[in-house]
Amino acid sequence: MANFYTDNPDLKHHLTHPLMEKIVALKERNYTDAEKFDYAPLDYEDAQDSYDKVLEIVGEICGDIIAPNAESVDHDGPSVADGRVTYAPATQENIDACRKAGLMGMAMPRRYGGLNFPITPYIMAADIVSRADTGFENLWGLQDCAETIYEFADEDQKQRFISRVCQGETMSMDLTEPDAGSDLQSVMLKATEQPDGTWRLNGVKRFITNGDSDIHLVLARSEAGTKDGRGLSMFIYDKRDGGVNVRRIENKMGIKGSPTCELTYKDAKAELCGSRRLGLIKYVMALMNGARLGIAAQSVGVSELAYREALSYARDRKQFGKAIIEFPAVYEMLSVMKAKLDASRSLLYECARFVDVYKIYDDIAKERSLTPDERKESKRYSRLADSLTPLAKGMGSEYCNQNAYDCIQIHGGSGFMKDYACERLYRDARITSIYEGTTQLQVVAAIRHVTTGTYLGLIREYQSVDVKPELQALKDRLAVMTETYAKAVEAVGAVEDQAYADFMARRLVEMAGVTVMSYLLLLDADRNDSFARSAEIYANLAQAEVEKHAGFIASFKPAEVALYKVD
């Protein structure tokens, strides 16, 4: 089988982005870790070589084991008996392979047994794993819950739990309940403090991915009499202590290898993680941001597989005496699929790099005081990461669904059959725009960055970068698109009507998203000629979207919002 890392040169392009040199130097504390760990890098080139080798291992396992197992995992799925989950045999094989290869706890510090990878190469691994099996990425990718323990738990908890994750134990985040889905402030799982300082948890959790994991992060109500987010705290539950059982596994449309569980807590012993009352206000927000970046990576992996499956079929399938890839209706569809894939991947890794910078500064701040310039830079990258995360998740998941749809369409009737991977892919893709915050919730998170000018400021920065002469005409087109977006934002902002502003939010966020991605592809093409074609095609698509939304906004009267309200 192919190596899913080395067969995709686009990954190496993003791994070697110019900002990575700064990120790696900060992450490695100017390479002083090499004095304590013989496997720590000596310099930037050494670090890149390390990432390269590990990602090759990820790509090999994905190509040789995880991808070939995907069909049987989808067919067999996990089972539950006596309150415990048993994975499909091939899922267990996947987990064992990742454990033996040391691919757990990749982003955790070396002192806990991790590889100390920045977020960017870790997200790249998630991208690769998702291409191999979307559902398995949910199990393997939950290792990033350890980031919450690293950021907020005490040192004793870090030593005990993070080291276990790095050794290969699994995690889950137990947030949602039957009456608390997206509205997490309604969580009612009860946490009661004990005289010895531990806590006991009682209640039910629902839709918990990998709910029979070894280590759980649990959102529970610690403050009696409260009904909002201020009464919630975060807890760590260790499966070895007992008290949590799996009532059932949901029968899902897709990602069938990933057990989605309903859990019952009966006097389950747990430990407080961080401070009381900050469970939702602070810790879940950090946890969800990481999860949303993970779903953005999952979406890109799905888009990658959808494009490859469609391209392969279009080359082989013959109709009317020639391969269907020669028909304009098909090759246009394939070209747009590739452009959407490249655009969403560029946005994913730009977001990952921004997350890297501010997270590393936050970590350094625990060791020493940041300089004024460092604090300023950290704040800036935190704001940028906060702005791009909902775009990467929201638009990346929508593109992934569109590419999965088009993959089926190119296969025609064959795509509706289980003989082809695209049928499974189509079912797997659908959840990406729903879990960890629907696309509509991503719009709610993103719109403030439209109104405060974060997106326009970032776009202006991209606009100020000089590009090769052959790309100047494309850049000029993007400049016109930028002004159209800016005028649309101004026009909506001039109307003092909140219902109208909310109604237009999706259009403004989409305009911002396609404009940002257009510039990112332009800059990719400036560094690497292989992106030039996608940059042009995506600009055509983005320009049409921006003009469509701008035209709607210009002709729409605020009073017309009432027409769309459903009784």
Protein backbone atom coordinates (compact mmCIF):
# COMPACT_ATOMS: atom_id res chain seq x y z
CA MET A 1 0.00 0.00 0.00
CA ALA A 2 0.97 3.64 -0.37
CA ASN A 3 2.53 5.64 2.43
CA PHE A 4 -0.12 8.26 3.22
CA TYR A 5 2.50 10.85 4.13
CA THR A 6 5.10 10.47 1.41
CA ASP A 7 2.49 10.15 -1.36
CA ASN A 8 1.18 13.63 -0.57
CA PRO A 9 3.82 16.36 -1.10
CA ASP A 10 1.34 19.05 -0.02
CA LEU A 11 1.88 17.96 3.59
CA LYS A 12 5.62 18.62 3.43
CA HIS A 13 4.87 22.04 1.93
CA HIS A 14 2.83 23.02 4.98
CA LEU A 15 5.23 21.40 7.45
CA THR A 16 8.06 23.61 6.17
CA HIS A 17 6.15 26.91 6.21
CA PRO A 18 8.47 29.83 7.17
CA LEU A 19 6.69 30.36 10.51
CA MET A 20 7.61 26.83 11.57
CA GLU A 21 11.20 27.84 12.28
CA LYS A 22 10.00 30.25 14.98
CA ILE A 23 7.49 27.75 16.33
CA VAL A 24 10.04 24.97 16.68
CA ALA A 25 12.64 27.21 18.33
CA LEU A 26 10.05 28.32 20.90
CA LYS A 27 8.76 24.80 21.44
CA GLU A 28 12.27 23.45 21.97
CA ARG A 29 13.32 26.39 24.14
CA ASN A 30 16.10 27.12 21.66
CA TYR A 31 16.96 23.41 21.62
CA THR A 32 18.01 23.16 25.28
CA ASP A 33 15.99 19.93 25.70
CA ALA A 34 18.80 18.15 23.88
CA GLU A 35 20.81 18.47 27.09
CA LYS A 36 18.30 16.25 28.94
CA PHE A 37 16.91 13.90 26.27
CA ASP A 38 19.09 12.16 23.70
CA TYR A 39 16.22 12.10 21.18
CA ALA A 40 15.53 15.86 21.39
CA PRO A 41 16.55 17.87 18.28
CA LEU A 42 19.75 19.89 18.17
CA ASP A 43 18.44 22.48 15.70
CA TYR A 44 15.59 23.26 13.32
CA GLU A 45 16.77 20.87 10.61
CA ASP A 46 17.09 18.09 13.16
CA ALA A 47 13.56 18.80 14.42
CA GLN A 48 12.13 18.74 10.91
CA ASP A 49 13.91 15.45 10.28
CA SER A 50 12.27 14.05 13.41
CA TYR A 51 8.79 15.20 12.34
CA ASP A 52 9.43 13.80 8.89
CA LYS A 53 10.40 10.37 10.18
CA VAL A 54 7.48 10.11 12.61
CA LEU A 55 4.99 11.23 9.97
CA GLU A 56 6.44 8.61 7.64
CA ILE A 57 5.64 6.03 10.30
CA VAL A 58 2.11 7.43 10.61
CA GLY A 59 1.75 7.29 6.83
CA GLU A 60 3.03 3.72 6.68
CA ILE A 61 0.70 2.45 9.40
CA CYS A 62 -2.22 4.25 7.76
CA GLY A 63 -1.46 2.83 4.34
CA ASP A 64 -0.61 -0.72 5.44
CA ILE A 65 -2.96 -1.30 8.39
CA ILE A 66 -5.61 1.34 9.17
CA ALA A 67 -6.91 1.97 5.62
CA PRO A 68 -7.12 -1.75 4.71
CA ASN A 69 -8.98 -2.35 7.99
CA ALA A 70 -11.52 0.44 7.46
CA GLU A 71 -14.12 -1.66 5.62
CA SER A 72 -14.17 -4.46 8.20
CA VAL A 73 -14.30 -1.93 11.06
CA ASP A 74 -17.30 -0.26 9.41
CA HIS A 75 -18.98 -3.65 9.06
CA ASP A 76 -18.18 -5.13 12.49
CA GLY A 77 -18.17 -2.08 14.75
CA PRO A 78 -17.78 -2.16 18.53
CA SER A 79 -20.02 -4.07 20.92
CA VAL A 80 -21.07 -3.66 24.55
CA ALA A 81 -21.62 -6.33 27.21
CA ASP A 82 -21.82 -6.03 31.00
CA GLY A 83 -21.19 -2.30 30.81
CA ARG A 84 -17.92 -2.59 28.88
CA VAL A 85 -17.05 -1.89 25.23
CA THR A 86 -15.16 -4.29 23.00
CA TYR A 87 -13.68 -2.73 19.85
CA ALA A 88 -13.97 -4.40 16.46
CA PRO A 89 -10.94 -6.72 16.04
CA ALA A 90 -9.45 -4.51 13.33
CA THR A 91 -9.87 -1.40 15.52
CA GLN A 92 -7.87 -3.10 18.25
CA GLU A 93 -5.21 -3.94 15.66
CA ASN A 94 -5.06 -0.26 14.69
CA ILE A 95 -4.70 0.84 18.32
CA ASP A 96 -2.00 -1.74 19.00
CA ALA A 97 -0.04 -0.60 15.94
CA CYS A 98 -0.17 3.04 17.04
CA ARG A 99 0.87 2.14 20.58
CA LYS A 100 3.83 0.05 19.43
CA ALA A 101 4.94 2.87 17.13
CA GLY A 102 4.85 5.41 19.99
CA LEU A 103 2.20 7.57 18.32
CA MET A 104 0.28 8.40 21.48
CA GLY A 105 0.90 11.63 23.38
CA MET A 106 2.68 13.13 20.39
CA ALA A 107 2.24 16.75 21.52
CA MET A 108 3.02 16.11 25.19
CA PRO A 109 6.36 17.14 26.77
CA ARG A 110 9.20 14.65 26.85
CA ARG A 111 9.29 14.62 30.65
CA TYR A 112 5.93 12.82 30.61
CA GLY A 113 6.94 10.42 27.84
CA GLY A 114 5.66 12.43 24.87
CA LEU A 115 7.37 13.50 21.66
CA ASN A 116 7.03 17.25 22.36
CA PHE A 117 5.68 17.87 18.86
CA PRO A 118 4.14 21.26 18.07
CA ILE A 119 0.42 21.22 17.28
CA THR A 120 1.07 21.55 13.53
CA PRO A 121 2.81 18.18 12.87
CA TYR A 122 0.39 16.50 15.29
CA ILE A 123 -2.58 17.90 13.33
CA MET A 124 -0.82 16.67 10.18
CA ALA A 125 -0.85 13.17 11.64
CA ALA A 126 -4.58 13.58 12.35
CA ASP A 127 -5.10 14.63 8.72
CA ILE A 128 -3.33 11.46 7.55
CA VAL A 129 -5.15 9.13 9.97
CA SER A 130 -8.51 10.61 8.93
CA ARG A 131 -7.82 9.81 5.31
CA ALA A 132 -7.19 6.19 6.33
CA ASP A 133 -10.27 5.80 8.54
CA THR A 134 -12.36 8.74 9.68
CA GLY A 135 -13.83 6.89 12.66
CA PHE A 136 -10.48 5.66 13.93
CA GLU A 137 -9.18 9.22 14.07
CA ASN A 138 -11.80 9.81 16.77
CA LEU A 139 -10.14 7.20 18.96
CA TRP A 140 -6.51 8.02 18.20
CA GLY A 141 -7.13 11.78 18.13
CA LEU A 142 -8.66 11.94 21.61
CA GLN A 143 -5.11 11.90 22.93
CA ASP A 144 -5.32 15.69 22.56
CA CYS A 145 -7.56 15.71 25.66
CA ALA A 146 -4.26 15.33 27.53
CA GLU A 147 -3.58 18.93 26.55
CA THR A 148 -6.31 20.03 28.98
CA ILE A 149 -4.68 18.05 31.79
CA TYR A 150 -1.33 19.57 30.87
CA GLU A 151 -2.69 23.11 30.88
CA PHE A 152 -4.89 23.03 33.98
CA ALA A 153 -4.19 20.03 36.26
CA ASP A 154 -1.68 20.00 39.10
CA GLU A 155 1.76 18.46 38.69
CA ASP A 156 0.86 15.21 40.43
CA GLN A 157 -2.09 14.69 38.07
CA LYS A 158 0.09 15.48 35.07
CA GLN A 159 2.66 12.91 36.12
CA ARG A 160 0.04 10.22 36.74
CA PHE A 161 -2.30 10.72 33.78
CA ILE A 162 -0.28 12.22 30.92
CA SER A 163 2.38 9.53 31.22
CA ARG A 164 -0.34 6.89 30.82
CA VAL A 165 -1.68 8.59 27.68
CA CYS A 166 1.83 8.65 26.24
CA GLN A 167 2.10 4.93 26.92
CA GLY A 168 -1.04 4.33 24.89
CA GLU A 169 -4.04 4.57 27.18
CA THR A 170 -7.17 6.12 25.68
CA MET A 171 -9.15 9.24 26.64
CA SER A 172 -12.63 10.69 26.29
CA MET A 173 -14.29 14.00 27.06
CA ASP A 174 -17.63 13.44 28.78
CA LEU A 175 -19.56 16.65 28.19
CA THR A 176 -23.00 16.17 26.65
CA GLU A 177 -26.11 14.81 28.38
CA PRO A 178 -29.63 13.86 27.24
CA ASP A 179 -30.82 17.42 28.02
CA ALA A 180 -27.52 19.24 27.40
CA GLY A 181 -26.15 19.01 23.88
CA SER A 182 -24.73 22.24 22.52
CA ASP A 183 -26.15 24.02 25.60
CA LEU A 184 -23.51 22.75 28.00
CA GLN A 185 -24.44 25.19 30.75
CA SER A 186 -27.46 22.90 31.32
CA VAL A 187 -25.23 19.97 32.38
CA MET A 188 -26.63 18.34 35.54
CA LEU A 189 -24.29 15.39 36.26
CA LYS A 190 -23.82 15.84 39.99
CA ALA A 191 -20.39 16.11 41.63
CA THR A 192 -20.23 15.78 45.41
CA GLU A 193 -17.07 16.52 47.38
CA GLN A 194 -15.94 13.92 49.91
CA PRO A 195 -14.14 14.46 53.23
CA ASP A 196 -10.90 13.08 51.77
CA GLY A 197 -10.91 15.70 48.98
CA THR A 198 -12.05 13.36 46.22
CA TRP A 199 -15.40 13.68 44.48
CA ARG A 200 -18.24 11.34 43.58
CA LEU A 201 -20.09 11.68 40.28
CA ASN A 202 -23.70 10.64 39.68
CA GLY A 203 -25.83 10.96 36.55
CA VAL A 204 -25.90 10.23 32.84
CA LYS A 205 -23.78 11.31 29.89
CA ARG A 206 -24.79 10.79 26.27
CA PHE A 207 -23.11 10.84 22.83
CA ILE A 208 -19.67 10.28 24.41
CA THR A 209 -17.06 9.33 21.84
CA ASN A 210 -14.93 6.41 23.03
CA GLY A 211 -16.97 6.44 26.25
CA ASP A 212 -15.29 3.37 27.76
CA SER A 213 -11.85 4.98 27.63
CA ASP A 214 -9.16 4.59 30.29
CA ILE A 215 -9.17 8.25 31.37
CA HIS A 216 -12.16 10.62 31.18
CA LEU A 217 -12.42 14.40 31.38
CA VAL A 218 -15.87 15.01 32.85
CA LEU A 219 -17.93 18.21 33.04
CA ALA A 220 -20.13 18.08 36.14
CA ARG A 221 -22.16 20.35 38.44
CA SER A 222 -20.11 20.90 41.57
CA GLU A 223 -22.07 23.79 43.07
CA ALA A 224 -25.41 22.80 44.57
CA GLY A 225 -28.34 25.02 43.64
CA THR A 226 -26.76 26.46 40.49
CA LYS A 227 -28.27 26.17 37.02
CA ASP A 228 -25.76 27.86 34.72
CA GLY A 229 -22.15 27.49 33.62
CA ARG A 230 -20.79 29.08 36.79
CA GLY A 231 -21.67 25.98 38.77
CA LEU A 232 -19.71 23.54 36.60
CA SER A 233 -16.25 22.11 37.20
CA MET A 234 -13.96 19.72 35.32
CA PHE A 235 -13.03 16.33 36.74
CA ILE A 236 -10.69 13.48 35.86
CA TYR A 237 -12.17 9.99 36.13
CA ASP A 238 -9.94 6.89 36.09
CA LYS A 239 -11.65 3.78 34.70
CA ARG A 240 -9.67 1.63 37.12
CA ASP A 241 -11.68 3.16 39.99
CA GLY A 242 -15.00 1.88 38.63
CA GLY A 243 -18.43 3.44 38.92
CA VAL A 244 -19.05 4.24 35.25
CA ASN A 245 -20.80 1.80 32.93
CA VAL A 246 -21.75 1.91 29.28
CA ARG A 247 -25.52 1.61 29.03
CA ARG A 248 -25.50 1.38 25.24
CA ILE A 249 -23.63 2.21 22.05
CA GLU A 250 -25.47 4.46 19.59
CA ASN A 251 -26.32 2.94 16.21
CA LYS A 252 -24.89 5.63 13.94
CA MET A 253 -24.98 6.48 10.25
CA GLY A 254 -21.19 6.58 9.98
CA ILE A 255 -17.85 6.53 11.85
CA LYS A 256 -19.04 3.14 13.07
CA GLY A 257 -15.69 2.02 14.45
CA SER A 258 -15.81 4.80 17.03
CA PRO A 259 -18.12 3.80 19.92
CA THR A 260 -20.50 6.63 20.82
CA CYS A 261 -21.75 5.76 24.27
CA GLU A 262 -24.40 6.52 26.85
CA LEU A 263 -22.77 6.36 30.28
CA THR A 264 -24.18 5.96 33.77
CA TYR A 265 -22.22 7.38 36.70
CA LYS A 266 -22.95 5.80 40.08
CA ASP A 267 -20.79 7.20 42.89
CA ALA A 268 -17.86 7.24 40.49
CA LYS A 269 -14.70 8.47 42.19
CA ALA A 270 -13.08 11.45 40.45
CA GLU A 271 -10.52 14.22 40.97
CA LEU A 272 -11.06 17.93 40.47
CA CYS A 273 -9.06 19.24 37.51
CA GLY A 274 -7.99 22.84 38.05
CA SER A 275 -10.27 25.14 40.03
CA ARG A 276 -13.94 24.84 40.87
CA ARG A 277 -16.51 26.71 38.76
CA LEU A 278 -14.19 27.08 35.75
CA GLY A 279 -15.19 23.82 34.06
CA LEU A 280 -17.27 25.37 31.31
CA ILE A 281 -16.13 28.97 31.45
CA LYS A 282 -12.45 28.18 30.91
CA TYR A 283 -11.55 24.51 30.57
CA VAL A 284 -14.22 23.28 28.16
CA MET A 285 -13.63 26.30 25.93
CA ALA A 286 -9.95 25.32 25.67
CA LEU A 287 -10.88 21.66 25.19
CA MET A 288 -13.41 22.44 22.46
CA ASN A 289 -11.01 24.68 20.56
CA GLY A 290 -8.58 21.79 20.37
CA ALA A 291 -11.36 19.39 19.41
CA ARG A 292 -12.56 21.72 16.65
CA LEU A 293 -9.09 21.91 15.19
CA GLY A 294 -9.06 18.12 15.26
CA ILE A 295 -12.37 17.95 13.37
CA ALA A 296 -11.00 20.43 10.83
CA ALA A 297 -8.09 18.02 10.29
CA GLN A 298 -10.52 15.12 10.07
CA SER A 299 -12.50 17.03 7.45
CA VAL A 300 -9.40 17.64 5.36
CA GLY A 301 -8.50 13.95 5.55
CA VAL A 302 -11.97 13.03 4.32
CA SER A 303 -11.71 15.57 1.49
CA GLU A 304 -8.35 14.08 0.51
CA LEU A 305 -9.76 10.57 0.28
CA ALA A 306 -12.88 11.75 -1.54
CA TYR A 307 -10.78 13.50 -4.17
CA ARG A 308 -8.44 10.54 -4.63
CA GLU A 309 -11.30 8.03 -4.92
CA ALA A 310 -13.12 10.23 -7.43
CA LEU A 311 -9.98 10.90 -9.47
CA SER A 312 -9.05 7.22 -9.64
CA TYR A 313 -12.55 6.17 -10.69
CA ALA A 314 -12.83 8.94 -13.31
CA ARG A 315 -9.56 7.82 -14.89
CA ASP A 316 -10.60 4.17 -15.06
CA ARG A 317 -14.30 4.41 -15.88
CA LYS A 318 -15.05 4.54 -19.60
CA GLN A 319 -18.27 5.75 -21.20
CA PHE A 320 -18.98 6.43 -24.89
CA GLY A 321 -15.53 5.17 -25.78
CA LYS A 322 -13.41 7.33 -23.45
CA ALA A 323 -12.54 7.81 -19.78
CA ILE A 324 -15.12 9.98 -18.03
CA ILE A 325 -12.34 12.28 -16.79
CA GLU A 326 -12.26 13.66 -20.33
CA PHE A 327 -15.79 15.05 -20.06
CA PRO A 328 -15.98 18.72 -18.98
CA ALA A 329 -18.74 18.03 -16.45
CA VAL A 330 -16.43 15.57 -14.67
CA TYR A 331 -13.08 17.29 -14.91
CA GLU A 332 -14.62 20.56 -13.72
CA MET A 333 -16.04 18.75 -10.68
CA LEU A 334 -12.67 17.14 -9.92
CA SER A 335 -10.80 20.43 -10.26
CA VAL A 336 -13.20 22.17 -7.87
CA MET A 337 -12.88 19.27 -5.41
CA LYS A 338 -9.10 19.66 -5.45
CA ALA A 339 -9.34 23.43 -5.03
CA LYS A 340 -11.65 23.04 -2.02
CA LEU A 341 -9.31 20.43 -0.55
CA ASP A 342 -6.26 22.66 -0.98
CA ALA A 343 -8.06 25.71 0.38
CA SER A 344 -9.33 23.94 3.50
CA ARG A 345 -5.91 22.39 4.13
CA SER A 346 -4.17 25.77 3.81
CA LEU A 347 -6.63 27.25 6.31
CA LEU A 348 -6.18 24.27 8.65
CA TYR A 349 -2.41 24.64 8.87
CA GLU A 350 -2.48 28.42 9.08
CA CYS A 351 -4.79 28.01 12.06
CA ALA A 352 -2.58 25.28 13.57
CA ARG A 353 0.48 27.51 13.32
CA PHE A 354 -1.32 30.37 15.04
CA VAL A 355 -2.45 27.99 17.81
CA ASP A 356 1.14 26.77 18.17
CA VAL A 357 2.59 30.23 18.74
CA TYR A 358 0.19 31.38 21.44
CA LYS A 359 0.05 28.00 23.21
CA ILE A 360 3.84 27.82 23.38
CA TYR A 361 4.00 31.35 24.78
CA ASP A 362 1.40 30.37 27.39
CA ASP A 363 3.61 27.43 28.34
CA ILE A 364 6.75 29.56 28.51
CA ALA A 365 4.89 32.00 30.77
CA LYS A 366 4.67 29.21 33.39
CA GLU A 367 8.49 29.10 33.47
CA ARG A 368 9.35 32.80 33.29
CA SER A 369 7.82 36.19 32.67
CA LEU A 370 7.24 37.01 29.03
CA THR A 371 8.81 40.16 27.67
CA PRO A 372 6.43 42.95 26.59
CA ASP A 373 7.01 42.03 22.93
CA GLU A 374 6.33 38.35 23.67
CA ARG A 375 3.11 39.19 25.51
CA LYS A 376 1.97 41.35 22.63
CA GLU A 377 2.79 38.64 20.09
CA SER A 378 1.10 35.96 22.19
CA LYS A 379 -2.06 38.03 22.45
CA ARG A 380 -2.08 38.67 18.71
CA TYR A 381 -1.70 35.00 17.78
CA SER A 382 -4.30 33.99 20.35
CA ARG A 383 -6.80 36.33 18.69
CA LEU A 384 -5.90 35.06 15.22
CA ALA A 385 -6.18 31.42 16.33
CA ASP A 386 -9.54 32.18 17.92
CA SER A 387 -10.71 33.70 14.64
CA LEU A 388 -9.50 30.93 12.33
CA THR A 389 -10.59 27.93 14.42
CA PRO A 390 -14.34 28.30 13.68
CA LEU A 391 -13.56 29.02 10.01
CA ALA A 392 -11.33 25.94 9.68
CA LYS A 393 -13.88 23.70 11.39
CA GLY A 394 -17.00 25.23 9.84
CA MET A 395 -15.88 25.65 6.26
CA GLY A 396 -13.56 22.65 6.23
CA SER A 397 -16.39 20.35 7.32
CA GLU A 398 -18.79 21.81 4.76
CA TYR A 399 -16.21 21.30 1.99
CA CYS A 400 -15.59 17.77 3.17
CA ASN A 401 -19.30 17.01 2.87
CA GLN A 402 -19.43 18.60 -0.57
CA ASN A 403 -16.42 16.60 -1.75
CA ALA A 404 -17.88 13.36 -0.39
CA TYR A 405 -21.12 14.16 -2.24
CA ASP A 406 -19.27 14.86 -5.49
CA CYS A 407 -17.21 11.70 -5.07
CA ILE A 408 -20.44 9.68 -5.05
CA GLN A 409 -21.72 11.66 -8.05
CA ILE A 410 -18.63 10.89 -10.11
CA HIS A 411 -19.02 7.20 -9.28
CA GLY A 412 -22.65 7.34 -10.40
CA GLY A 413 -24.74 4.30 -9.43
CA SER A 414 -21.62 2.44 -8.33
CA GLY A 415 -21.05 5.05 -5.65
CA PHE A 416 -24.33 4.09 -4.02
CA MET A 417 -23.06 0.55 -3.52
CA LYS A 418 -20.96 -0.71 -0.64
CA ASP A 419 -18.44 -2.11 -3.13
CA TYR A 420 -16.72 1.29 -3.20
CA ALA A 421 -15.12 3.23 -0.35
CA CYS A 422 -17.01 6.40 -1.27
CA GLU A 423 -20.26 5.01 0.18
CA ARG A 424 -18.64 4.66 3.61
CA LEU A 425 -16.85 7.98 3.16
CA TYR A 426 -20.14 9.75 2.45
CA ARG A 427 -21.66 8.44 5.68
CA ASP A 428 -18.55 9.25 7.70
CA ALA A 429 -18.33 12.81 6.35
CA ARG A 430 -21.78 13.87 7.50
CA ILE A 431 -20.96 14.15 11.19
CA THR A 432 -18.07 16.58 10.70
CA SER A 433 -20.35 19.59 10.29
CA ILE A 434 -22.35 18.59 13.38
CA TYR A 435 -20.20 17.42 16.27
CA GLU A 436 -17.94 19.65 18.38
CA GLY A 437 -20.24 22.52 17.38
CA THR A 438 -22.41 22.65 14.27
CA THR A 439 -21.52 24.88 11.34
CA GLN A 440 -24.19 27.28 12.59
CA LEU A 441 -22.43 27.53 15.96
CA GLN A 442 -19.13 28.15 14.19
CA VAL A 443 -20.78 31.15 12.53
CA VAL A 444 -21.79 32.43 15.98
CA ALA A 445 -18.16 32.07 17.11
CA ALA A 446 -16.76 33.69 13.97
CA ILE A 447 -19.06 36.66 13.45
CA ARG A 448 -17.42 38.80 16.15
CA HIS A 449 -14.18 38.59 14.18
CA VAL A 450 -16.06 40.01 11.20
CA THR A 451 -17.48 42.91 13.19
CA THR A 452 -14.25 43.68 15.08
CA GLY A 453 -12.18 43.59 11.90
CA THR A 454 -9.93 40.63 12.79
CA TYR A 455 -10.51 38.95 9.43
CA LEU A 456 -10.13 42.11 7.40
CA GLY A 457 -6.92 42.96 9.24
CA LEU A 458 -5.49 39.50 8.49
CA ILE A 459 -6.57 39.79 4.85
CA ARG A 460 -4.80 43.15 4.59
CA GLU A 461 -1.64 41.53 5.94
CA TYR A 462 -1.81 38.86 3.24
CA GLN A 463 -2.54 41.57 0.69
CA SER A 464 0.67 43.42 1.61
CA VAL A 465 2.90 40.45 0.71
CA ASP A 466 4.65 40.72 -2.64
CA VAL A 467 4.15 37.79 -5.01
CA LYS A 468 5.77 36.59 -8.21
CA PRO A 469 4.89 38.64 -11.32
CA GLU A 470 2.94 35.77 -12.85
CA LEU A 471 0.61 35.79 -9.81
CA GLN A 472 0.01 39.54 -9.75
CA ALA A 473 -3.15 39.37 -11.87
CA LEU A 474 -4.63 36.87 -9.44
CA LYS A 475 -3.67 39.07 -6.51
CA ASP A 476 -5.37 42.03 -8.18
CA ARG A 477 -8.56 40.00 -8.48
CA LEU A 478 -8.40 39.16 -4.79
CA ALA A 479 -8.00 42.86 -3.99
CA VAL A 480 -11.32 43.59 -5.70
CA MET A 481 -12.91 40.70 -3.79
CA THR A 482 -11.53 42.12 -0.55
CA GLU A 483 -13.14 45.51 -1.15
CA THR A 484 -16.47 43.85 -1.95
CA TYR A 485 -16.28 41.99 1.37
CA ALA A 486 -15.29 45.13 3.30
CA LYS A 487 -18.21 47.10 1.84
CA ALA A 488 -20.64 44.29 2.69
CA VAL A 489 -19.45 44.29 6.32
CA GLU A 490 -19.84 48.06 6.45
CA ALA A 491 -23.33 47.90 4.93
CA VAL A 492 -24.60 45.32 7.44
CA GLY A 493 -22.96 47.17 10.34
CA ALA A 494 -24.70 50.41 9.38
CA VAL A 495 -28.12 48.89 10.07
CA GLU A 496 -29.07 49.01 13.75
CA ASP A 497 -31.15 45.85 13.78
CA GLN A 498 -29.85 42.79 15.64
CA ALA A 499 -32.20 40.36 13.91
CA TYR A 500 -30.92 41.59 10.54
CA ALA A 501 -27.28 41.36 11.68
CA ASP A 502 -27.83 37.79 12.90
CA PHE A 503 -29.54 36.88 9.64
CA MET A 504 -26.60 38.14 7.60
CA ALA A 505 -23.91 36.62 9.84
CA ARG A 506 -23.53 33.41 7.82
CA ARG A 507 -23.03 35.31 4.59
CA LEU A 508 -20.40 37.62 6.07
CA VAL A 509 -18.51 34.73 7.69
CA GLU A 510 -18.52 32.77 4.43
CA MET A 511 -17.26 35.83 2.55
CA ALA A 512 -14.47 36.22 5.08
CA GLY A 513 -13.63 32.52 4.88
CA VAL A 514 -13.38 32.25 1.11
CA THR A 515 -11.37 35.48 0.94
CA VAL A 516 -8.89 34.29 3.59
CA MET A 517 -8.52 30.93 1.84
CA SER A 518 -8.03 32.61 -1.53
CA TYR A 519 -5.09 34.60 -0.17
CA LEU A 520 -3.62 31.57 1.56
CA LEU A 521 -3.65 29.65 -1.72
CA LEU A 522 -2.09 32.64 -3.47
CA LEU A 523 0.75 32.63 -0.94
CA ASP A 524 1.08 28.85 -1.26
CA ALA A 525 1.38 29.26 -5.02
CA ASP A 526 4.04 31.91 -4.49
CA ARG A 527 6.12 29.38 -2.53
CA ASN A 528 5.22 26.35 -4.60
CA ASP A 529 4.10 26.34 -8.23
CA SER A 530 2.03 23.19 -7.71
CA PHE A 531 -0.66 25.28 -6.00
CA ALA A 532 -1.09 27.78 -8.85
CA ARG A 533 -3.88 25.85 -10.55
CA SER A 534 -5.93 25.42 -7.37
CA ALA A 535 -5.33 29.08 -6.48
CA GLU A 536 -6.87 30.19 -9.78
CA ILE A 537 -9.79 27.76 -9.64
CA TYR A 538 -10.56 28.53 -6.02
CA ALA A 539 -10.45 32.28 -6.72
CA ASN A 540 -13.13 31.76 -9.39
CA LEU A 541 -15.27 29.92 -6.87
CA ALA A 542 -14.62 32.46 -4.09
CA GLN A 543 -15.29 35.45 -6.32
CA ALA A 544 -18.67 34.02 -7.30
CA GLU A 545 -19.54 33.39 -3.64
CA VAL A 546 -18.53 36.87 -2.52
CA GLU A 547 -20.45 38.55 -5.32
CA LYS A 548 -23.51 36.40 -4.64
CA HIS A 549 -23.58 37.28 -0.94
CA ALA A 550 -22.78 40.94 -1.59
CA GLY A 551 -25.63 41.15 -4.09
CA PHE A 552 -28.04 39.56 -1.63
CA ILE A 553 -27.02 41.99 1.11
CA ALA A 554 -27.32 45.00 -1.19
CA SER A 555 -30.85 44.14 -2.33
CA PHE A 556 -32.23 42.80 0.95
CA LYS A 557 -34.33 44.98 3.24
CA PRO A 558 -34.10 44.40 7.02
CA ALA A 559 -37.87 44.05 7.28
CA GLU A 560 -37.70 41.01 4.99
CA VAL A 561 -36.14 38.95 7.79
CA ALA A 562 -39.69 38.40 9.05
CA LEU A 563 -40.48 36.47 5.83
CA TYR A 564 -38.08 33.73 6.85
CA LYS A 565 -39.41 33.18 10.37
CA VAL A 566 -41.26 29.90 10.79
CA ASP A 567 -44.08 29.63 13.33
